[in-house]
N, C-alpha and C. Protein backbone atom coordinates (compact mmCIF):
# COMPACT_ATOMS: atom_id res chain seq x y z
N MET A 1 0.84 -1.20 0.00
CA MET A 1 0.00 0.00 0.00
C MET A 1 0.88 1.25 0.00
N SER A 2 0.48 2.23 -0.79
CA SER A 2 1.26 3.46 -0.90
C SER A 2 1.20 4.25 0.40
N GLU A 3 2.30 4.90 0.74
CA GLU A 3 2.33 5.77 1.92
C GLU A 3 1.39 6.94 1.71
N THR A 4 0.69 7.33 2.77
CA THR A 4 -0.25 8.44 2.70
C THR A 4 0.29 9.62 3.49
N LEU A 5 0.28 10.79 2.88
CA LEU A 5 0.76 11.99 3.56
C LEU A 5 -0.25 12.46 4.61
N PRO A 6 0.22 13.06 5.68
CA PRO A 6 -0.71 13.65 6.65
C PRO A 6 -1.55 14.74 5.99
N VAL A 7 -2.80 14.86 6.41
CA VAL A 7 -3.68 15.90 5.89
C VAL A 7 -3.51 17.15 6.75
N THR A 8 -3.20 18.26 6.10
CA THR A 8 -3.08 19.54 6.81
C THR A 8 -4.26 20.43 6.43
N ASP A 9 -4.35 21.57 7.09
CA ASP A 9 -5.44 22.49 6.77
C ASP A 9 -5.33 22.97 5.32
N ARG A 10 -4.09 23.05 4.81
CA ARG A 10 -3.90 23.52 3.43
C ARG A 10 -4.16 22.43 2.41
N THR A 11 -4.00 21.17 2.78
CA THR A 11 -4.18 20.09 1.80
C THR A 11 -5.50 19.36 1.98
N ARG A 12 -6.30 19.77 2.96
CA ARG A 12 -7.61 19.14 3.14
C ARG A 12 -8.49 19.48 1.94
N LEU A 13 -9.10 18.47 1.35
CA LEU A 13 -9.91 18.65 0.15
C LEU A 13 -11.36 18.90 0.57
N ARG A 14 -11.79 20.13 0.40
CA ARG A 14 -13.12 20.53 0.86
C ARG A 14 -14.18 20.43 -0.23
N ARG A 15 -13.80 20.65 -1.45
CA ARG A 15 -14.74 20.59 -2.58
C ARG A 15 -14.56 19.28 -3.30
N LYS A 16 -15.61 18.44 -3.34
CA LYS A 16 -15.58 17.11 -3.96
C LYS A 16 -14.38 16.30 -3.44
N PRO A 17 -14.32 16.04 -2.15
CA PRO A 17 -13.17 15.33 -1.59
C PRO A 17 -13.01 13.91 -2.11
N ALA A 18 -14.08 13.32 -2.65
CA ALA A 18 -13.98 11.95 -3.17
C ALA A 18 -13.03 11.88 -4.36
N ARG A 19 -12.78 13.01 -5.01
CA ARG A 19 -11.84 13.03 -6.14
C ARG A 19 -10.39 13.16 -5.69
N GLY A 20 -10.19 13.36 -4.41
CA GLY A 20 -8.85 13.66 -3.93
C GLY A 20 -8.11 12.46 -3.40
N SER A 21 -6.80 12.65 -3.22
CA SER A 21 -5.94 11.61 -2.66
C SER A 21 -4.72 12.27 -2.01
N HIS A 22 -4.27 11.65 -0.92
CA HIS A 22 -3.02 12.06 -0.28
C HIS A 22 -1.98 10.94 -0.36
N GLU A 23 -2.25 9.95 -1.20
CA GLU A 23 -1.32 8.85 -1.35
C GLU A 23 -0.11 9.29 -2.17
N LEU A 24 1.07 9.00 -1.65
CA LEU A 24 2.29 9.40 -2.36
C LEU A 24 2.39 8.74 -3.72
N GLY A 25 1.94 7.51 -3.85
CA GLY A 25 2.01 6.84 -5.15
C GLY A 25 1.21 7.58 -6.21
N VAL A 26 0.03 8.07 -5.85
CA VAL A 26 -0.81 8.83 -6.79
C VAL A 26 -0.14 10.16 -7.11
N ILE A 27 0.36 10.84 -6.08
CA ILE A 27 1.01 12.13 -6.27
C ILE A 27 2.25 11.99 -7.14
N HIS A 28 3.08 10.99 -6.85
CA HIS A 28 4.30 10.78 -7.63
C HIS A 28 3.99 10.49 -9.09
N ALA A 29 2.97 9.67 -9.35
CA ALA A 29 2.63 9.30 -10.73
C ALA A 29 2.25 10.52 -11.56
N ILE A 30 1.50 11.44 -10.97
CA ILE A 30 1.11 12.65 -11.69
C ILE A 30 2.32 13.55 -11.92
N LEU A 31 3.14 13.72 -10.90
CA LEU A 31 4.34 14.55 -11.04
C LEU A 31 5.28 13.99 -12.10
N ASP A 32 5.40 12.67 -12.15
CA ASP A 32 6.35 12.05 -13.07
C ASP A 32 5.89 12.09 -14.52
N GLU A 33 4.60 12.35 -14.75
CA GLU A 33 4.11 12.46 -16.12
C GLU A 33 4.16 13.90 -16.62
N ALA A 34 4.05 14.85 -15.71
CA ALA A 34 4.00 16.26 -16.09
C ALA A 34 5.40 16.79 -16.42
N LEU A 35 5.45 17.81 -17.26
CA LEU A 35 6.71 18.45 -17.64
C LEU A 35 6.86 19.86 -17.10
N VAL A 36 5.74 20.48 -16.71
CA VAL A 36 5.75 21.87 -16.28
C VAL A 36 4.94 22.01 -15.00
N CYS A 37 5.42 22.84 -14.08
CA CYS A 37 4.65 23.19 -12.90
C CYS A 37 4.54 24.71 -12.82
N HIS A 38 3.63 25.18 -11.98
CA HIS A 38 3.50 26.61 -11.72
C HIS A 38 3.81 26.85 -10.25
N VAL A 39 4.79 27.73 -10.01
CA VAL A 39 5.28 28.00 -8.66
C VAL A 39 4.82 29.39 -8.26
N ALA A 40 4.19 29.51 -7.10
CA ALA A 40 3.70 30.80 -6.62
C ALA A 40 4.33 31.13 -5.27
N ILE A 41 4.67 32.41 -5.10
CA ILE A 41 5.12 32.91 -3.80
C ILE A 41 4.39 34.21 -3.52
N ALA A 42 4.43 34.63 -2.25
CA ALA A 42 3.63 35.78 -1.84
C ALA A 42 4.45 37.05 -1.62
N SER A 43 5.69 37.10 -2.12
CA SER A 43 6.54 38.29 -1.99
C SER A 43 6.66 38.77 -0.55
N PRO A 44 7.22 37.95 0.35
CA PRO A 44 7.31 38.36 1.76
C PRO A 44 8.13 39.63 1.93
N GLU A 45 7.74 40.44 2.92
CA GLU A 45 8.37 41.74 3.11
C GLU A 45 9.83 41.64 3.52
N ASN A 46 10.20 40.53 4.15
CA ASN A 46 11.57 40.43 4.65
C ASN A 46 12.56 40.01 3.57
N LEU A 47 12.08 39.84 2.34
CA LEU A 47 12.97 39.52 1.23
C LEU A 47 13.11 40.77 0.37
N SER A 48 14.35 41.13 0.07
CA SER A 48 14.62 42.47 -0.47
C SER A 48 14.66 42.54 -1.99
N SER A 49 14.27 41.48 -2.68
CA SER A 49 14.37 41.52 -4.14
C SER A 49 13.32 42.45 -4.73
N ASP A 50 13.78 43.48 -5.45
CA ASP A 50 12.84 44.39 -6.09
C ASP A 50 11.97 43.70 -7.12
N SER A 51 12.50 42.64 -7.72
CA SER A 51 11.77 42.00 -8.82
C SER A 51 10.57 41.20 -8.35
N ILE A 52 10.42 41.00 -7.04
CA ILE A 52 9.24 40.26 -6.58
C ILE A 52 8.39 41.10 -5.64
N SER A 53 8.69 42.39 -5.51
CA SER A 53 7.90 43.23 -4.63
C SER A 53 6.58 43.60 -5.31
N GLY A 54 5.62 44.00 -4.51
CA GLY A 54 4.38 44.52 -5.06
C GLY A 54 3.28 43.50 -5.22
N GLY A 55 3.36 42.34 -4.62
CA GLY A 55 2.26 41.39 -4.69
C GLY A 55 2.72 40.00 -5.03
N PRO A 56 1.77 39.07 -5.14
CA PRO A 56 2.11 37.68 -5.42
C PRO A 56 2.67 37.50 -6.82
N ARG A 57 3.44 36.43 -6.99
CA ARG A 57 4.03 36.10 -8.28
C ARG A 57 3.85 34.61 -8.55
N VAL A 58 3.68 34.27 -9.82
CA VAL A 58 3.62 32.86 -10.22
C VAL A 58 4.50 32.67 -11.44
N LEU A 59 5.19 31.53 -11.48
CA LEU A 59 6.16 31.27 -12.55
C LEU A 59 5.98 29.84 -13.07
N PRO A 60 5.74 29.67 -14.38
CA PRO A 60 5.75 28.32 -14.96
C PRO A 60 7.19 27.89 -15.21
N THR A 61 7.51 26.68 -14.86
CA THR A 61 8.88 26.22 -15.03
C THR A 61 8.94 24.71 -15.12
N ALA A 62 10.01 24.20 -15.72
CA ALA A 62 10.25 22.76 -15.76
C ALA A 62 10.67 22.29 -14.37
N PHE A 63 10.48 21.01 -14.11
CA PHE A 63 10.82 20.47 -12.80
C PHE A 63 11.10 18.98 -12.95
N VAL A 64 11.63 18.40 -11.89
CA VAL A 64 11.80 16.95 -11.86
C VAL A 64 11.62 16.48 -10.42
N ARG A 65 11.03 15.32 -10.26
CA ARG A 65 10.93 14.71 -8.93
C ARG A 65 12.06 13.70 -8.79
N VAL A 66 12.79 13.79 -7.68
CA VAL A 66 13.79 12.80 -7.32
C VAL A 66 13.45 12.34 -5.91
N ASP A 67 13.04 11.08 -5.78
CA ASP A 67 12.59 10.55 -4.50
C ASP A 67 11.44 11.40 -3.97
N ASP A 68 11.57 11.95 -2.76
CA ASP A 68 10.47 12.69 -2.15
C ASP A 68 10.69 14.19 -2.17
N ALA A 69 11.33 14.69 -3.21
CA ALA A 69 11.54 16.13 -3.35
C ALA A 69 11.36 16.54 -4.80
N LEU A 70 10.91 17.78 -4.97
CA LEU A 70 10.80 18.39 -6.28
C LEU A 70 11.99 19.32 -6.47
N TYR A 71 12.64 19.23 -7.62
CA TYR A 71 13.80 20.08 -7.90
C TYR A 71 13.45 21.08 -9.00
N LEU A 72 13.76 22.36 -8.74
CA LEU A 72 13.56 23.44 -9.70
C LEU A 72 14.90 24.12 -9.91
N HIS A 73 15.04 24.77 -11.06
CA HIS A 73 16.26 25.52 -11.29
C HIS A 73 15.93 26.79 -12.07
N GLY A 74 16.76 27.80 -11.85
CA GLY A 74 16.58 29.06 -12.55
C GLY A 74 17.85 29.89 -12.48
N SER A 75 17.83 31.01 -13.15
CA SER A 75 18.98 31.90 -13.17
C SER A 75 19.23 32.46 -11.77
N ALA A 76 20.51 32.58 -11.43
CA ALA A 76 20.87 33.20 -10.15
C ALA A 76 20.45 34.67 -10.11
N ALA A 77 20.13 35.25 -11.27
CA ALA A 77 19.66 36.63 -11.32
C ALA A 77 18.15 36.74 -11.17
N ASN A 78 17.46 35.60 -11.11
CA ASN A 78 16.00 35.59 -11.03
C ASN A 78 15.57 35.88 -9.60
N GLY A 79 14.85 36.99 -9.40
CA GLY A 79 14.45 37.39 -8.06
C GLY A 79 13.56 36.37 -7.37
N MET A 80 12.70 35.71 -8.15
CA MET A 80 11.79 34.74 -7.55
C MET A 80 12.56 33.53 -7.03
N PHE A 81 13.53 33.06 -7.80
CA PHE A 81 14.32 31.93 -7.34
C PHE A 81 15.20 32.32 -6.16
N ARG A 82 15.70 33.55 -6.15
CA ARG A 82 16.47 34.00 -4.99
C ARG A 82 15.59 34.02 -3.74
N ALA A 83 14.33 34.43 -3.92
CA ALA A 83 13.42 34.46 -2.78
C ALA A 83 13.14 33.05 -2.26
N ILE A 84 12.93 32.11 -3.18
CA ILE A 84 12.68 30.73 -2.77
C ILE A 84 13.90 30.17 -2.05
N ALA A 85 15.08 30.46 -2.58
CA ALA A 85 16.32 29.98 -1.96
C ALA A 85 16.51 30.58 -0.57
N ALA A 86 15.96 31.80 -0.36
CA ALA A 86 16.09 32.48 0.92
C ALA A 86 15.03 32.06 1.93
N GLY A 87 14.10 31.19 1.52
CA GLY A 87 13.14 30.66 2.48
C GLY A 87 11.70 31.05 2.28
N ALA A 88 11.35 31.69 1.16
CA ALA A 88 9.96 32.04 0.93
C ALA A 88 9.09 30.79 0.83
N GLU A 89 7.88 30.89 1.36
CA GLU A 89 6.94 29.78 1.21
C GLU A 89 6.46 29.71 -0.23
N VAL A 90 6.22 28.50 -0.71
CA VAL A 90 5.77 28.32 -2.08
C VAL A 90 4.53 27.44 -2.12
N ALA A 91 3.75 27.65 -3.16
CA ALA A 91 2.67 26.74 -3.53
C ALA A 91 2.94 26.34 -4.97
N ILE A 92 2.93 25.04 -5.23
CA ILE A 92 3.27 24.52 -6.56
C ILE A 92 2.09 23.72 -7.08
N ALA A 93 1.67 24.01 -8.31
CA ALA A 93 0.56 23.30 -8.94
C ALA A 93 1.02 22.61 -10.21
N VAL A 94 0.57 21.38 -10.37
CA VAL A 94 0.83 20.59 -11.58
C VAL A 94 -0.50 20.07 -12.08
N THR A 95 -0.78 20.23 -13.38
CA THR A 95 -2.05 19.78 -13.94
C THR A 95 -1.83 19.03 -15.24
N LEU A 96 -2.45 17.88 -15.35
CA LEU A 96 -2.52 17.12 -16.61
C LEU A 96 -3.97 17.18 -17.09
N LEU A 97 -4.18 17.68 -18.29
CA LEU A 97 -5.53 17.80 -18.84
C LEU A 97 -5.81 16.60 -19.73
N ASP A 98 -6.83 15.82 -19.37
CA ASP A 98 -7.11 14.56 -20.05
C ASP A 98 -8.32 14.60 -20.97
N GLY A 99 -9.20 15.57 -20.82
CA GLY A 99 -10.36 15.60 -21.68
C GLY A 99 -11.25 16.80 -21.43
N LEU A 100 -12.03 17.16 -22.45
CA LEU A 100 -13.06 18.18 -22.34
C LEU A 100 -14.39 17.47 -22.15
N VAL A 101 -15.11 17.83 -21.09
CA VAL A 101 -16.35 17.15 -20.74
C VAL A 101 -17.52 18.05 -21.13
N LEU A 102 -18.28 17.62 -22.14
CA LEU A 102 -19.38 18.40 -22.68
C LEU A 102 -20.71 17.80 -22.23
N ALA A 103 -21.52 18.62 -21.59
CA ALA A 103 -22.84 18.19 -21.13
C ALA A 103 -23.92 18.87 -21.97
N ARG A 104 -25.16 18.47 -21.76
CA ARG A 104 -26.26 19.10 -22.48
C ARG A 104 -26.54 20.52 -21.96
N THR A 105 -26.11 20.78 -20.74
CA THR A 105 -26.29 22.11 -20.17
C THR A 105 -24.92 22.75 -19.96
N ALA A 106 -24.84 24.06 -20.13
CA ALA A 106 -23.57 24.76 -19.94
C ALA A 106 -23.05 24.59 -18.52
N PHE A 107 -23.95 24.52 -17.56
CA PHE A 107 -23.56 24.45 -16.15
C PHE A 107 -22.74 23.21 -15.85
N HIS A 108 -23.00 22.10 -16.52
CA HIS A 108 -22.34 20.83 -16.22
C HIS A 108 -21.14 20.54 -17.11
N HIS A 109 -20.72 21.50 -17.95
CA HIS A 109 -19.48 21.32 -18.69
C HIS A 109 -18.31 21.29 -17.70
N SER A 110 -17.29 20.50 -18.02
CA SER A 110 -16.17 20.36 -17.11
C SER A 110 -14.95 19.90 -17.89
N VAL A 111 -13.91 19.49 -17.19
CA VAL A 111 -12.72 18.88 -17.80
C VAL A 111 -12.32 17.67 -16.97
N ASN A 112 -11.73 16.69 -17.62
CA ASN A 112 -11.09 15.59 -16.93
C ASN A 112 -9.62 15.96 -16.72
N TYR A 113 -9.13 15.74 -15.52
CA TYR A 113 -7.79 16.21 -15.18
C TYR A 113 -7.20 15.36 -14.08
N ARG A 114 -5.87 15.48 -13.93
CA ARG A 114 -5.14 14.96 -12.77
C ARG A 114 -4.25 16.09 -12.29
N SER A 115 -4.32 16.41 -11.03
CA SER A 115 -3.57 17.56 -10.54
C SER A 115 -2.95 17.27 -9.18
N VAL A 116 -1.89 18.03 -8.89
CA VAL A 116 -1.22 17.96 -7.59
C VAL A 116 -0.93 19.39 -7.15
N VAL A 117 -1.14 19.65 -5.86
CA VAL A 117 -0.75 20.92 -5.26
C VAL A 117 0.18 20.62 -4.09
N ILE A 118 1.32 21.30 -4.05
CA ILE A 118 2.32 21.10 -3.01
C ILE A 118 2.56 22.42 -2.29
N PHE A 119 2.67 22.37 -0.96
CA PHE A 119 3.00 23.53 -0.16
C PHE A 119 4.33 23.27 0.56
N GLY A 120 5.11 24.31 0.79
CA GLY A 120 6.35 24.11 1.55
C GLY A 120 7.32 25.26 1.35
N ARG A 121 8.53 25.01 1.79
CA ARG A 121 9.62 25.96 1.62
C ARG A 121 10.76 25.28 0.88
N GLY A 122 11.35 26.00 -0.06
CA GLY A 122 12.48 25.45 -0.79
C GLY A 122 13.78 25.63 -0.03
N ALA A 123 14.71 24.75 -0.31
CA ALA A 123 16.06 24.87 0.24
C ALA A 123 17.04 24.86 -0.92
N GLN A 124 17.93 25.85 -0.96
CA GLN A 124 18.90 25.90 -2.05
C GLN A 124 19.87 24.73 -1.94
N VAL A 125 20.15 24.13 -3.08
CA VAL A 125 21.12 23.03 -3.14
C VAL A 125 22.49 23.63 -3.41
N HIS A 126 23.40 23.50 -2.44
CA HIS A 126 24.74 24.04 -2.59
C HIS A 126 25.75 22.97 -3.02
N ASP A 127 25.47 21.73 -2.70
CA ASP A 127 26.39 20.64 -3.04
C ASP A 127 26.43 20.48 -4.56
N LEU A 128 27.60 20.66 -5.16
CA LEU A 128 27.71 20.61 -6.62
C LEU A 128 27.33 19.25 -7.18
N ALA A 129 27.66 18.17 -6.47
CA ALA A 129 27.33 16.84 -6.96
C ALA A 129 25.81 16.65 -6.98
N VAL A 130 25.12 17.13 -5.96
CA VAL A 130 23.66 17.02 -5.92
C VAL A 130 23.05 17.90 -7.01
N GLN A 131 23.61 19.10 -7.20
CA GLN A 131 23.14 19.96 -8.29
C GLN A 131 23.23 19.24 -9.63
N ARG A 132 24.39 18.64 -9.88
CA ARG A 132 24.59 17.96 -11.17
C ARG A 132 23.62 16.79 -11.34
N ARG A 133 23.38 16.04 -10.26
CA ARG A 133 22.45 14.92 -10.37
C ARG A 133 21.03 15.41 -10.64
N ALA A 134 20.65 16.49 -9.97
CA ALA A 134 19.30 17.01 -10.16
C ALA A 134 19.11 17.54 -11.59
N LEU A 135 20.10 18.28 -12.09
CA LEU A 135 19.99 18.83 -13.44
C LEU A 135 20.04 17.73 -14.49
N ALA A 136 20.83 16.70 -14.25
CA ALA A 136 20.85 15.56 -15.18
C ALA A 136 19.50 14.84 -15.18
N ALA A 137 18.90 14.71 -14.01
CA ALA A 137 17.58 14.09 -13.93
C ALA A 137 16.54 14.92 -14.67
N LEU A 138 16.68 16.25 -14.60
CA LEU A 138 15.75 17.13 -15.30
C LEU A 138 15.89 16.97 -16.81
N VAL A 139 17.12 16.90 -17.31
CA VAL A 139 17.34 16.72 -18.74
C VAL A 139 16.81 15.34 -19.18
N ASP A 140 17.06 14.32 -18.38
CA ASP A 140 16.55 12.99 -18.71
C ASP A 140 15.03 12.93 -18.63
N ARG A 141 14.44 13.84 -17.85
CA ARG A 141 12.97 13.91 -17.77
C ARG A 141 12.39 14.33 -19.11
N MET A 142 13.13 15.18 -19.84
CA MET A 142 12.67 15.61 -21.16
C MET A 142 12.77 14.47 -22.16
N VAL A 143 13.94 13.85 -22.23
CA VAL A 143 14.18 12.70 -23.11
C VAL A 143 15.06 11.72 -22.34
N PRO A 144 14.59 10.52 -22.07
CA PRO A 144 15.40 9.55 -21.32
C PRO A 144 16.76 9.34 -21.98
N GLY A 145 17.82 9.40 -21.16
CA GLY A 145 19.17 9.22 -21.65
C GLY A 145 19.81 10.46 -22.22
N ARG A 146 19.08 11.58 -22.22
CA ARG A 146 19.60 12.78 -22.86
C ARG A 146 20.79 13.36 -22.11
N ALA A 147 20.86 13.18 -20.80
CA ALA A 147 21.97 13.74 -20.03
C ALA A 147 23.31 13.18 -20.47
N GLU A 148 23.32 11.96 -21.01
CA GLU A 148 24.55 11.36 -21.51
C GLU A 148 24.81 11.74 -22.96
N ALA A 149 23.84 12.42 -23.59
CA ALA A 149 23.96 12.75 -25.01
C ALA A 149 24.13 14.25 -25.23
N CYS A 150 24.57 14.96 -24.18
CA CYS A 150 24.87 16.38 -24.32
C CYS A 150 25.95 16.76 -23.31
N ARG A 151 26.56 17.92 -23.50
CA ARG A 151 27.59 18.36 -22.57
C ARG A 151 26.96 18.74 -21.24
N PRO A 152 27.49 18.26 -20.12
CA PRO A 152 26.94 18.64 -18.82
C PRO A 152 27.27 20.09 -18.49
N PRO A 153 26.60 20.68 -17.50
CA PRO A 153 26.89 22.07 -17.14
C PRO A 153 28.33 22.25 -16.67
N SER A 154 28.93 23.35 -17.08
CA SER A 154 30.28 23.69 -16.58
C SER A 154 30.16 24.30 -15.19
N ASP A 155 31.29 24.43 -14.50
CA ASP A 155 31.27 25.07 -13.19
C ASP A 155 30.75 26.50 -13.28
N ARG A 156 31.11 27.19 -14.35
CA ARG A 156 30.64 28.56 -14.53
C ARG A 156 29.12 28.60 -14.72
N GLU A 157 28.59 27.66 -15.48
CA GLU A 157 27.15 27.60 -15.68
C GLU A 157 26.43 27.26 -14.39
N LEU A 158 27.01 26.35 -13.60
CA LEU A 158 26.41 26.02 -12.31
C LEU A 158 26.39 27.23 -11.39
N ALA A 159 27.45 28.02 -11.42
CA ALA A 159 27.53 29.20 -10.57
C ALA A 159 26.45 30.23 -10.93
N ALA A 160 25.99 30.19 -12.18
CA ALA A 160 24.97 31.12 -12.64
C ALA A 160 23.56 30.57 -12.46
N THR A 161 23.45 29.41 -11.81
CA THR A 161 22.17 28.71 -11.68
C THR A 161 21.83 28.48 -10.21
N ILE A 162 20.58 28.69 -9.86
CA ILE A 162 20.08 28.33 -8.54
C ILE A 162 19.29 27.03 -8.68
N VAL A 163 19.62 26.05 -7.87
CA VAL A 163 18.85 24.81 -7.79
C VAL A 163 18.22 24.74 -6.41
N VAL A 164 16.91 24.54 -6.36
CA VAL A 164 16.22 24.44 -5.08
C VAL A 164 15.47 23.11 -5.02
N ALA A 165 15.35 22.60 -3.80
CA ALA A 165 14.61 21.36 -3.55
C ALA A 165 13.43 21.67 -2.64
N ILE A 166 12.25 21.19 -3.01
CA ILE A 166 11.06 21.37 -2.19
C ILE A 166 10.58 19.98 -1.77
N PRO A 167 10.56 19.70 -0.48
CA PRO A 167 10.12 18.38 -0.03
C PRO A 167 8.64 18.14 -0.33
N ILE A 168 8.31 16.91 -0.72
CA ILE A 168 6.92 16.57 -1.00
C ILE A 168 6.34 15.95 0.27
N ASP A 169 6.09 16.79 1.27
CA ASP A 169 5.54 16.28 2.52
C ASP A 169 4.25 16.98 2.93
N GLU A 170 3.81 17.97 2.15
CA GLU A 170 2.51 18.60 2.34
C GLU A 170 1.89 18.79 0.96
N ALA A 171 1.10 17.81 0.55
CA ALA A 171 0.60 17.81 -0.83
C ALA A 171 -0.69 17.01 -0.93
N SER A 172 -1.42 17.27 -1.99
CA SER A 172 -2.63 16.50 -2.29
C SER A 172 -2.79 16.38 -3.79
N ALA A 173 -3.49 15.35 -4.20
CA ALA A 173 -3.83 15.14 -5.61
C ALA A 173 -5.35 15.22 -5.76
N LYS A 174 -5.77 15.59 -6.96
CA LYS A 174 -7.20 15.60 -7.25
C LYS A 174 -7.39 15.17 -8.69
N ILE A 175 -8.40 14.32 -8.92
CA ILE A 175 -8.58 13.71 -10.24
C ILE A 175 -10.06 13.71 -10.60
N ARG A 176 -10.35 14.10 -11.84
CA ARG A 176 -11.69 13.89 -12.39
C ARG A 176 -11.56 13.07 -13.64
N SER A 177 -12.41 12.08 -13.80
CA SER A 177 -12.42 11.25 -15.00
C SER A 177 -13.86 10.86 -15.32
N GLY A 178 -14.06 10.37 -16.54
CA GLY A 178 -15.38 9.85 -16.90
C GLY A 178 -16.27 10.86 -17.60
N PRO A 179 -17.52 10.47 -17.82
CA PRO A 179 -18.46 11.28 -18.60
C PRO A 179 -19.01 12.45 -17.80
N PRO A 180 -19.82 13.30 -18.47
CA PRO A 180 -20.44 14.41 -17.74
C PRO A 180 -21.43 13.91 -16.70
N VAL A 181 -21.77 14.78 -15.77
CA VAL A 181 -22.81 14.46 -14.79
C VAL A 181 -24.09 14.11 -15.54
N PRO A 182 -24.74 13.00 -15.20
CA PRO A 182 -25.96 12.60 -15.92
C PRO A 182 -27.03 13.68 -15.85
N ASP A 183 -27.63 13.95 -16.98
CA ASP A 183 -28.72 14.93 -17.01
C ASP A 183 -29.98 14.29 -16.47
N ASP A 184 -30.82 15.11 -15.86
CA ASP A 184 -32.10 14.59 -15.36
C ASP A 184 -33.21 15.55 -15.74
N GLY A 185 -34.42 15.11 -15.51
CA GLY A 185 -35.59 15.94 -15.83
C GLY A 185 -35.64 16.29 -17.30
N GLU A 186 -36.02 17.51 -17.58
CA GLU A 186 -36.15 17.95 -18.97
C GLU A 186 -34.81 18.02 -19.68
N ASP A 187 -33.72 18.22 -18.94
CA ASP A 187 -32.40 18.33 -19.56
C ASP A 187 -31.99 17.05 -20.27
N ALA A 188 -32.42 15.91 -19.78
CA ALA A 188 -32.04 14.63 -20.37
C ALA A 188 -32.57 14.48 -21.79
N ALA A 189 -33.60 15.22 -22.14
CA ALA A 189 -34.19 15.12 -23.48
C ALA A 189 -33.73 16.22 -24.41
N LEU A 190 -32.83 17.08 -23.97
CA LEU A 190 -32.36 18.14 -24.84
C LEU A 190 -31.60 17.57 -26.03
N PRO A 191 -31.77 18.16 -27.23
CA PRO A 191 -31.17 17.60 -28.45
C PRO A 191 -29.72 18.03 -28.67
N TYR A 192 -28.86 17.88 -27.62
CA TYR A 192 -27.47 18.29 -27.73
C TYR A 192 -26.57 17.09 -27.41
N TRP A 193 -25.42 17.06 -28.11
CA TRP A 193 -24.46 15.96 -27.85
C TRP A 193 -23.84 16.14 -26.48
N ALA A 194 -23.61 15.02 -25.80
CA ALA A 194 -22.92 15.03 -24.51
C ALA A 194 -21.87 13.93 -24.52
N GLY A 195 -20.72 14.20 -23.91
CA GLY A 195 -19.66 13.19 -23.87
C GLY A 195 -18.33 13.83 -23.56
N VAL A 196 -17.26 13.14 -23.92
CA VAL A 196 -15.90 13.58 -23.60
C VAL A 196 -15.06 13.66 -24.88
N ILE A 197 -14.32 14.75 -25.01
CA ILE A 197 -13.32 14.87 -26.07
C ILE A 197 -11.96 14.63 -25.42
N PRO A 198 -11.34 13.46 -25.63
CA PRO A 198 -10.05 13.18 -24.98
C PRO A 198 -8.95 14.11 -25.47
N LEU A 199 -8.05 14.45 -24.56
CA LEU A 199 -6.89 15.27 -24.88
C LEU A 199 -5.64 14.54 -24.43
N ALA A 200 -4.53 14.76 -25.14
CA ALA A 200 -3.27 14.14 -24.77
C ALA A 200 -2.12 14.98 -25.28
N THR A 201 -1.01 14.98 -24.53
CA THR A 201 0.23 15.58 -25.00
C THR A 201 0.99 14.52 -25.79
N VAL A 202 1.33 14.84 -27.04
CA VAL A 202 1.93 13.85 -27.94
C VAL A 202 3.31 14.35 -28.38
N ARG A 203 4.30 13.48 -28.28
CA ARG A 203 5.63 13.80 -28.82
C ARG A 203 5.65 13.47 -30.30
N GLU A 204 5.95 14.46 -31.11
CA GLU A 204 6.02 14.25 -32.55
C GLU A 204 7.48 14.02 -32.97
N ALA A 205 7.70 13.82 -34.26
CA ALA A 205 9.04 13.54 -34.77
C ALA A 205 9.97 14.72 -34.48
N PRO A 206 11.19 14.47 -34.04
CA PRO A 206 12.14 15.55 -33.76
C PRO A 206 12.44 16.38 -35.01
N ILE A 207 12.66 17.68 -34.81
CA ILE A 207 13.03 18.60 -35.88
C ILE A 207 14.44 19.10 -35.58
N ALA A 208 15.39 18.74 -36.40
CA ALA A 208 16.78 19.10 -36.13
C ALA A 208 17.00 20.60 -36.27
N ALA A 209 17.95 21.12 -35.47
CA ALA A 209 18.37 22.51 -35.62
C ALA A 209 19.02 22.70 -37.00
N PRO A 210 18.93 23.91 -37.56
CA PRO A 210 19.48 24.12 -38.90
C PRO A 210 20.95 23.76 -39.04
N ASP A 211 21.73 23.90 -37.96
CA ASP A 211 23.18 23.63 -38.05
C ASP A 211 23.54 22.25 -37.51
N CYS A 212 22.55 21.36 -37.34
CA CYS A 212 22.82 20.05 -36.75
C CYS A 212 22.81 18.97 -37.82
N ALA A 213 23.91 18.21 -37.89
CA ALA A 213 24.01 17.12 -38.86
C ALA A 213 23.96 15.75 -38.18
N VAL A 214 23.70 15.73 -36.86
CA VAL A 214 23.67 14.48 -36.12
C VAL A 214 22.24 13.95 -36.10
N ALA A 215 22.10 12.63 -36.17
CA ALA A 215 20.77 12.03 -36.16
C ALA A 215 20.07 12.33 -34.84
N GLY A 216 18.76 12.50 -34.90
CA GLY A 216 17.96 12.86 -33.74
C GLY A 216 17.77 11.72 -32.76
N PRO A 217 17.19 12.06 -31.59
CA PRO A 217 16.98 11.04 -30.54
C PRO A 217 15.88 10.06 -30.94
């Protein structure tokens, strides 16, 4: 049985809780399929970065899960990443869109999805070996084996990069699947199509760079 995370006030599922889960296996599976997350911080007053002052900020970025932590990376000049490295609280959302749910009534239109929300504080990774492993895992997340098929980051490139780790210990998943809510009464006889239009992210054939003569992955 998969380990279940403790339920906190922030991860308690109040709306349609039957769709939710705190099982790490469910959370990990969604994170491992997604390629992009959205990271939000609240611009705390005790952090002096001008680039994040004036209200909340959200940033879409690539990520990778390694064991029970999420790893993010960004430019050392990025105010938001500097704030996260300095201890700002974060909320991270990941969403996989699986289908458009069309009902006979506009009110019951919906989407099928799998999502994860994580709360916590990031810690900057200073150990160069851990940084390299995390960044290699991120590259391999894009294309398996890619980290061995490109030049790894130089020390200078690492110095220009912030790598942060966010523990996955306060998180929840939520999933909707299946057809629209069944219509009842007069709505059931309305002459409109109802059902699901499936959606998927598809990898197409690689397109080589104009100056590349090497065969693609």
